């Protein structure tokens, strides 16, 4: 008997797709646009997703459908250091 349901497996698969797409997009921005850091690229993604400086890393993860345990700390740092414009 599996400890995972079919729904759990679908959710994990979707999570991996979201991570892959996000990382590919960030990588393309950092490689294609000279002088763009990972932090800047992520800042732009968060801003485009409607994340504001008053949002937490957890909220940012939820808005762009990425796992909180993997990205919350990085997003918190960017939100605190970059200071996105409040919409």
Protein backbone atom coordinates (compact mmCIF):
# COMPACT_ATOMS: atom_id res chain seq x y z
CA UNK A 1 0.00 0.00 0.00
CA UNK A 2 1.34 3.43 -0.96
CA UNK A 3 1.48 6.28 1.50
CA UNK A 4 0.82 8.64 -1.41
CA UNK A 5 -2.51 9.09 -3.12
CA UNK A 6 -2.83 9.70 -6.85
CA UNK A 7 -3.60 13.33 -6.02
CA UNK A 8 -0.37 13.63 -4.01
CA UNK A 9 1.62 12.35 -6.97
CA UNK A 10 -0.09 14.79 -9.36
CA UNK A 11 0.61 17.65 -6.93
CA UNK A 12 4.28 16.68 -6.63
CA UNK A 13 4.57 16.46 -10.40
CA UNK A 14 3.00 19.92 -10.79
CA UNK A 15 5.28 21.32 -8.10
CA UNK A 16 8.34 20.00 -9.97
CA UNK A 17 7.06 21.56 -13.21
CA UNK A 18 6.55 24.91 -11.46
CA UNK A 19 10.07 24.79 -10.01
CA UNK A 20 11.58 23.87 -13.39
CA UNK A 21 9.72 26.64 -15.21
CA UNK A 22 10.61 29.23 -12.57
CA UNK A 23 14.29 28.27 -12.50
CA UNK A 24 14.50 28.20 -16.32
CA UNK A 25 12.93 31.65 -16.52
CA UNK A 26 15.29 33.09 -13.90
CA UNK A 27 18.26 31.44 -15.60
CA UNK A 28 17.27 32.86 -18.99
CA UNK A 29 17.01 36.36 -17.53
CA UNK A 30 20.39 36.11 -15.82
CA UNK A 31 22.13 34.71 -18.90
CA UNK A 32 20.39 36.63 -21.67
CA UNK A 33 20.29 40.05 -20.06
CA UNK A 34 23.76 41.15 -19.09
CA UNK A 35 24.37 42.35 -15.57
CA UNK A 36 21.15 40.89 -14.17
CA UNK A 37 21.62 38.98 -10.93
CA UNK A 38 19.43 36.13 -9.72
CA UNK A 39 18.11 38.44 -7.02
CA UNK A 40 17.09 41.09 -9.57
CA UNK A 41 15.47 38.51 -11.85
CA UNK A 42 13.46 37.07 -8.95
CA UNK A 43 12.53 40.57 -7.85
CA UNK A 44 11.05 41.20 -11.31
CA UNK A 45 9.14 37.90 -11.24
CA UNK A 46 7.70 38.71 -7.82
CA UNK A 47 6.75 42.20 -8.88
CA UNK A 48 5.05 40.88 -12.03
CA UNK A 49 3.11 38.41 -9.87
CA UNK A 50 1.75 41.25 -7.76
CA UNK A 51 3.93 40.57 -4.72
CA UNK A 52 4.52 43.71 -2.67
CA UNK A 53 7.07 44.65 -0.03
CA UNK A 54 4.43 44.02 2.63
CA UNK A 55 4.09 40.37 1.53
CA UNK A 56 6.07 37.58 3.15
CA UNK A 57 8.17 34.99 1.37
CA UNK A 58 5.43 32.49 2.12
CA UNK A 59 2.82 34.67 0.42
CA UNK A 60 5.13 35.11 -2.57
CA UNK A 61 5.50 31.33 -2.84
CA UNK A 62 1.76 30.88 -2.73
CA UNK A 63 1.15 33.57 -5.37
CA UNK A 64 3.54 31.97 -7.86
CA UNK A 65 2.81 28.40 -6.78
CA UNK A 66 6.27 27.40 -5.58
CA UNK A 67 7.02 25.30 -2.49
CA UNK A 68 7.34 27.39 0.64
CA UNK A 69 10.05 25.16 2.13
CA UNK A 70 12.28 25.71 -0.91
CA UNK A 71 11.85 29.44 -1.64
CA UNK A 72 10.43 31.25 1.41
CA UNK A 73 13.81 32.25 2.89
CA UNK A 74 15.19 33.46 -0.45
CA UNK A 75 12.02 35.45 -1.19
CA UNK A 76 11.98 36.97 2.31
CA UNK A 77 15.55 38.15 1.78
CA UNK A 78 14.74 39.66 -1.61
CA UNK A 79 11.58 41.34 -0.37
CA UNK A 80 13.45 42.79 2.59
CA UNK A 81 16.56 43.84 0.67
CA UNK A 82 15.01 44.97 -2.60
CA UNK A 83 11.85 46.62 -1.37
CA UNK A 84 9.29 46.10 -4.10
CA UNK A 85 6.99 49.01 -4.80
CA UNK A 86 3.68 48.79 -2.99
CA UNK A 87 0.92 48.60 -5.56
